[in-house]
Amino acid sequence: MALTKVLIAVKTYPTLASKYDELVCTAGFLEDGSWVRIYPIPFRKLDYDNQYKKYDWIEIDLKRNTSDFRPESHRPESLDKPPKIVGHIGTENCWQLRKEIVLRNVYTDLNKLINDAKDENKYTSLAIFKPAAIHNFIYEQVDREWDKNKLDKLKARAQQGKLFAKSDNPFEVVRKLPYKFSFVFSDITGKERTLMIEDWETGQLYWNCLKRHEGNEKKACEDVRKRYFDDFSKTKDLYFYLGTTREFHCIAPNPFVIIGTFHPKKEDQLNLF
């Protein structure tokens, strides 16, 4: 079977799935600019050489995920066949090569995107979106621990030797983020929205800031806010990668969350130099 070449654009913060253990939702673009979602992938269990970064080109043996009605959804033919990194697109010329692939179909009206998501002939579940204005970046406390039932199932499988057969080192589940981070923005119609961001980089930034501030959560959260509000929204040409979950795609009034950002420098910032 021919391998599929995908430009990785999205890696969400790991979650626990009772069937597949700890998983990362990965999404990206095919060479023609169309979206593809790759799920499941136990990303942190991949060998280091196979742990792809954003804007890496990978080759992977994919097939349509027939258990998911969303057309972009695909799954690896086998979880035992890791993706192969075959290239990378850098940030040269203000992300020009990235823009040529990412910015082919940009939404500016969130209602239009939601309508496309609900349209049975489209069921759009991944998109690039350009907010008209960023109003705030907020954080809220959430549960600090993973669901105990899911953790117990993972531990039970570990004891049965199903998780760690290829490794002498026990696999530690990623820490759960104790905060939810969200953008407050408006689209081209002027309607204000609040959407949570589930980007892996957001979570990792929080943990890095927490370490730097010696466990002070308030200072860590403020540093995350400073990056996304003071920096990204003011000095970057900011776009959102938006995605839906299968569970809420058809029933939520707005099924989208922010699963990543696309943020080259603003053109006027470049002109300063």
Protein backbone atom coordinates (compact mmCIF):
# COMPACT_ATOMS: atom_id res chain seq x y z
CA MET A 1 0.00 0.00 0.00
CA ALA A 2 1.29 3.47 -0.92
CA LEU A 3 2.32 5.72 1.95
CA THR A 4 0.58 9.06 2.51
CA LYS A 5 2.69 12.20 2.82
CA VAL A 6 1.42 14.63 5.47
CA LEU A 7 2.68 18.03 6.65
CA ILE A 8 2.13 18.01 10.41
CA ALA A 9 0.46 21.23 11.63
CA VAL A 10 -1.33 20.18 14.82
CA LYS A 11 -0.44 18.13 17.89
CA THR A 12 -2.91 18.41 20.74
CA TYR A 13 -2.07 17.96 24.40
CA PRO A 14 -2.19 14.24 25.25
CA THR A 15 -5.46 12.81 26.56
CA LEU A 16 -6.41 9.47 28.05
CA ALA A 17 -8.59 7.18 25.96
CA SER A 18 -9.83 4.00 27.62
CA LYS A 19 -9.33 2.00 24.43
CA TYR A 20 -5.97 3.33 23.24
CA ASP A 21 -4.27 4.60 26.42
CA GLU A 22 -2.56 8.01 26.13
CA LEU A 23 -3.09 9.61 22.73
CA VAL A 24 -2.26 12.72 20.76
CA CYS A 25 -4.59 14.00 18.05
CA THR A 26 -2.45 14.85 15.04
CA ALA A 27 -3.63 16.82 12.02
CA GLY A 28 -2.01 18.27 8.97
CA PHE A 29 -2.13 18.84 5.26
CA LEU A 30 -1.76 16.61 2.26
CA GLU A 31 0.36 17.86 -0.61
CA ASP A 32 -2.74 19.31 -2.31
CA GLY A 33 -3.54 21.42 0.77
CA SER A 34 -6.46 19.33 2.02
CA TRP A 35 -6.78 18.47 5.70
CA VAL A 36 -6.22 15.06 7.27
CA ARG A 37 -6.68 13.95 10.87
CA ILE A 38 -4.53 11.04 12.12
CA TYR A 39 -5.91 9.20 15.13
CA PRO A 40 -4.95 7.26 17.15
CA ILE A 41 -1.19 7.66 17.55
CA PRO A 42 0.51 6.87 20.89
CA PHE A 43 2.97 9.67 20.14
CA ARG A 44 5.09 9.63 23.29
CA LYS A 45 5.72 5.91 22.90
CA LEU A 46 7.30 6.37 19.48
CA ASP A 47 11.05 6.04 19.22
CA TYR A 48 12.74 9.43 19.43
CA ASP A 49 13.66 9.39 15.72
CA ASN A 50 9.97 8.98 14.83
CA GLN A 51 8.62 11.73 17.11
CA TYR A 52 7.70 14.26 14.48
CA LYS A 53 7.57 18.04 15.06
CA LYS A 54 5.18 20.59 13.65
CA TYR A 55 5.83 21.28 9.98
CA ASP A 56 7.66 18.02 9.51
CA TRP A 57 6.67 16.07 6.42
CA ILE A 58 5.93 12.49 7.39
CA GLU A 59 5.07 9.39 5.42
CA ILE A 60 2.55 7.06 7.03
CA ASP A 61 0.39 4.14 6.00
CA LEU A 62 -3.11 5.62 6.41
CA LYS A 63 -6.61 4.38 5.82
CA ARG A 64 -9.98 6.07 6.15
CA ASN A 65 -11.35 5.77 9.68
CA THR A 66 -14.76 4.34 8.87
CA SER A 67 -15.90 4.56 12.50
CA ASP A 68 -15.74 8.37 12.25
CA PHE A 69 -18.17 10.22 9.96
CA ARG A 70 -15.88 13.24 9.66
CA PRO A 71 -14.29 13.04 6.20
CA GLU A 72 -10.82 14.20 7.30
CA SER A 73 -10.43 11.36 9.81
CA HIS A 74 -7.92 8.64 9.05
CA ARG A 75 -6.07 6.08 11.13
CA PRO A 76 -2.73 4.29 10.79
CA GLU A 77 -3.01 0.92 9.10
CA SER A 78 -1.10 -0.44 12.09
CA LEU A 79 0.07 1.12 15.34
CA ASP A 80 3.19 -1.02 14.98
CA LYS A 81 4.26 0.92 11.86
CA PRO A 82 5.49 4.35 13.02
CA PRO A 83 5.46 7.37 10.70
CA LYS A 84 8.71 8.24 8.96
CA ILE A 85 9.97 11.84 8.91
CA VAL A 86 10.96 12.76 5.34
CA GLY A 87 11.35 16.56 5.45
CA HIS A 88 10.65 19.83 7.21
CA ILE A 89 9.39 23.29 6.21
CA GLY A 90 11.11 26.13 8.07
CA THR A 91 10.25 29.76 8.78
CA GLU A 92 12.29 31.37 6.00
CA ASN A 93 10.84 34.41 4.21
CA CYS A 94 8.18 34.99 6.88
CA TRP A 95 6.91 31.39 6.71
CA GLN A 96 6.31 31.69 2.96
CA LEU A 97 6.43 27.96 2.14
CA ARG A 98 4.18 27.17 5.09
CA LYS A 99 1.71 29.84 3.99
CA GLU A 100 1.50 28.36 0.50
CA ILE A 101 0.04 25.17 1.97
CA VAL A 102 -1.74 26.35 5.12
CA LEU A 103 -3.53 29.46 3.84
CA ARG A 104 -5.31 28.02 0.81
CA ASN A 105 -8.75 28.04 2.43
CA VAL A 106 -9.15 30.50 5.32
CA TYR A 107 -12.43 31.06 7.17
CA THR A 108 -13.19 34.51 8.61
CA ASP A 109 -16.86 33.98 9.57
CA LEU A 110 -17.26 31.38 12.30
CA ASN A 111 -20.97 30.90 11.56
CA LYS A 112 -20.11 29.87 8.00
CA LEU A 113 -17.64 27.33 9.33
CA ILE A 114 -20.19 25.97 11.82
CA ASN A 115 -22.74 25.66 9.00
CA ASP A 116 -20.20 23.70 6.95
CA ALA A 117 -19.61 21.45 9.96
CA LYS A 118 -23.33 20.72 10.25
CA ASP A 119 -23.84 20.24 6.50
CA GLU A 120 -24.27 16.50 5.89
CA ASN A 121 -22.56 16.89 2.52
CA LYS A 122 -19.45 18.41 4.12
CA TYR A 123 -19.16 17.71 7.86
CA THR A 124 -16.12 20.01 7.92
CA SER A 125 -14.17 19.24 11.07
CA LEU A 126 -10.78 20.90 10.52
CA ALA A 127 -10.14 24.44 9.35
CA ILE A 128 -7.81 27.42 9.38
CA PHE A 129 -9.54 30.50 10.79
CA LYS A 130 -8.54 34.17 10.85
CA PRO A 131 -9.96 36.12 13.83
CA ALA A 132 -10.80 39.76 13.16
CA ALA A 133 -9.72 40.88 16.64
CA ILE A 134 -8.28 39.31 19.78
CA HIS A 135 -9.86 40.65 22.97
CA ASN A 136 -8.37 38.52 25.72
CA PHE A 137 -6.64 35.31 26.71
CA ILE A 138 -8.00 33.74 29.87
CA TYR A 139 -7.24 30.79 32.13
CA GLU A 140 -9.49 28.83 34.50
CA GLN A 141 -8.81 26.05 36.98
CA VAL A 142 -10.02 22.56 36.07
CA ASP A 143 -9.63 19.07 37.56
CA ARG A 144 -6.03 18.37 38.46
CA GLU A 145 -6.07 14.61 38.03
CA TRP A 146 -6.98 12.28 35.20
CA ASP A 147 -10.15 10.22 35.44
CA LYS A 148 -9.43 7.49 37.98
CA ASN A 149 -11.24 4.78 36.01
CA LYS A 150 -9.12 5.42 32.92
CA LEU A 151 -5.93 5.46 34.96
CA ASP A 152 -6.87 2.19 36.65
CA LYS A 153 -7.45 0.57 33.25
CA LEU A 154 -4.05 1.75 32.03
CA LYS A 155 -2.37 0.35 35.14
CA ALA A 156 -4.18 -2.97 34.74
CA ARG A 157 -2.99 -3.34 31.15
CA ALA A 158 0.52 -2.39 32.21
CA GLN A 159 0.52 -5.18 34.75
CA GLN A 160 -0.56 -7.60 32.04
CA GLY A 161 2.49 -6.62 30.04
CA LYS A 162 0.51 -5.24 27.10
CA LEU A 163 1.86 -1.71 27.30
CA PHE A 164 5.55 -2.13 27.94
CA ALA A 165 6.50 -5.29 26.13
CA LYS A 166 9.16 -3.47 24.09
CA SER A 167 10.64 -1.39 26.90
CA ASP A 168 12.31 -2.00 30.23
CA ASN A 169 11.31 1.47 31.40
CA PRO A 170 7.75 2.02 32.70
CA PHE A 171 5.78 4.54 30.68
CA GLU A 172 4.57 7.46 32.76
CA VAL A 173 1.30 9.09 31.76
CA VAL A 174 1.62 12.79 30.94
CA ARG A 175 0.63 15.21 33.68
CA LYS A 176 -2.87 16.61 33.42
CA LEU A 177 -3.05 20.37 32.95
CA PRO A 178 -4.74 21.98 36.00
CA TYR A 179 -5.86 24.98 33.91
CA LYS A 180 -7.94 25.57 30.79
CA PHE A 181 -6.67 28.31 28.47
CA SER A 182 -8.96 30.17 26.05
CA PHE A 183 -8.89 32.98 23.49
CA VAL A 184 -11.62 35.64 23.50
CA PHE A 185 -11.97 37.02 19.99
CA SER A 186 -14.40 38.27 17.36
CA ASP A 187 -14.78 37.22 13.75
CA ILE A 188 -15.49 39.31 10.67
CA THR A 189 -19.15 39.73 11.70
CA GLY A 190 -18.12 41.34 14.99
CA LYS A 191 -19.57 38.55 17.15
CA GLU A 192 -17.46 37.82 20.22
CA ARG A 193 -16.47 34.23 20.93
CA THR A 194 -14.51 32.27 23.53
CA LEU A 195 -12.75 29.08 22.47
CA MET A 196 -10.44 26.81 24.44
CA ILE A 197 -6.99 26.01 23.08
CA GLU A 198 -5.77 22.41 23.30
CA ASP A 199 -2.39 22.79 21.63
CA TRP A 200 0.42 20.65 23.06
CA GLU A 201 2.69 23.72 22.97
CA THR A 202 0.34 25.62 25.27
CA GLY A 203 0.48 22.88 27.86
CA GLN A 204 4.24 22.51 27.60
CA LEU A 205 4.66 26.28 27.93
CA TYR A 206 2.69 26.18 31.19
CA TRP A 207 4.89 23.43 32.65
CA ASN A 208 8.07 25.26 31.60
CA CYS A 209 6.84 28.50 33.16
CA LEU A 210 5.78 26.69 36.33
CA LYS A 211 9.28 25.28 36.69
CA ARG A 212 10.86 28.67 36.09
CA HIS A 213 8.64 30.25 38.74
CA GLU A 214 9.36 27.43 41.22
CA GLY A 215 5.76 26.19 41.38
CA ASN A 216 3.95 29.53 41.40
CA GLU A 217 0.89 28.73 39.26
CA LYS A 218 -0.36 32.31 39.05
CA LYS A 219 2.93 33.53 37.59
CA ALA A 220 3.06 30.55 35.22
CA CYS A 221 -0.45 31.25 33.90
CA GLU A 222 0.35 34.94 33.49
CA ASP A 223 3.42 34.04 31.45
CA VAL A 224 1.30 31.84 29.18
CA ARG A 225 -1.16 34.72 28.80
CA LYS A 226 1.69 37.10 28.01
CA ARG A 227 2.90 34.82 25.21
CA TYR A 228 -0.49 34.35 23.57
CA PHE A 229 -2.06 37.75 24.21
CA ASP A 230 0.78 40.27 24.46
CA ASP A 231 3.03 38.59 21.91
CA PHE A 232 1.01 36.47 19.49
CA SER A 233 -2.04 38.69 19.19
CA LYS A 234 -0.08 41.93 18.91
CA THR A 235 3.09 41.09 16.97
CA LYS A 236 2.03 38.03 14.96
CA ASP A 237 -0.31 37.56 12.01
CA LEU A 238 -2.41 35.16 14.06
CA TYR A 239 -4.58 32.35 12.71
CA PHE A 240 -6.26 29.49 14.56
CA TYR A 241 -6.29 25.85 13.64
CA LEU A 242 -9.82 24.73 14.59
CA GLY A 243 -11.11 21.21 15.04
CA THR A 244 -14.13 19.33 16.32
CA THR A 245 -14.50 16.22 18.45
CA ARG A 246 -16.57 13.39 17.06
CA GLU A 247 -18.73 13.28 20.20
CA PHE A 248 -19.88 16.90 20.00
CA HIS A 249 -19.61 17.60 16.28
CA CYS A 250 -23.33 17.27 15.53
CA ILE A 251 -24.84 18.29 18.87
CA ALA A 252 -22.87 21.30 20.13
CA PRO A 253 -24.01 24.74 18.88
CA ASN A 254 -20.34 25.46 18.18
CA PRO A 255 -18.38 22.19 18.05
CA PHE A 256 -14.95 23.75 17.44
CA VAL A 257 -11.98 24.24 19.73
CA ILE A 258 -8.60 25.77 18.94
CA ILE A 259 -6.13 22.97 18.35
CA GLY A 260 -3.18 25.12 17.35
CA THR A 261 -2.01 28.48 16.07
CA PHE A 262 -0.37 29.67 12.87
CA HIS A 263 1.58 32.80 13.69
CA PRO A 264 4.09 34.35 11.28
CA LYS A 265 5.26 37.86 12.07
CA LYS A 266 3.05 40.71 10.95
CA GLU A 267 4.23 42.38 7.79
CA ASP A 268 4.51 45.77 9.54
CA GLN A 269 6.72 44.15 12.18
CA LEU A 270 9.04 42.92 9.44
CA ASN A 271 9.23 46.40 7.94
CA LEU A 272 10.64 47.75 11.20
CA PHE A 273 13.83 45.86 10.47
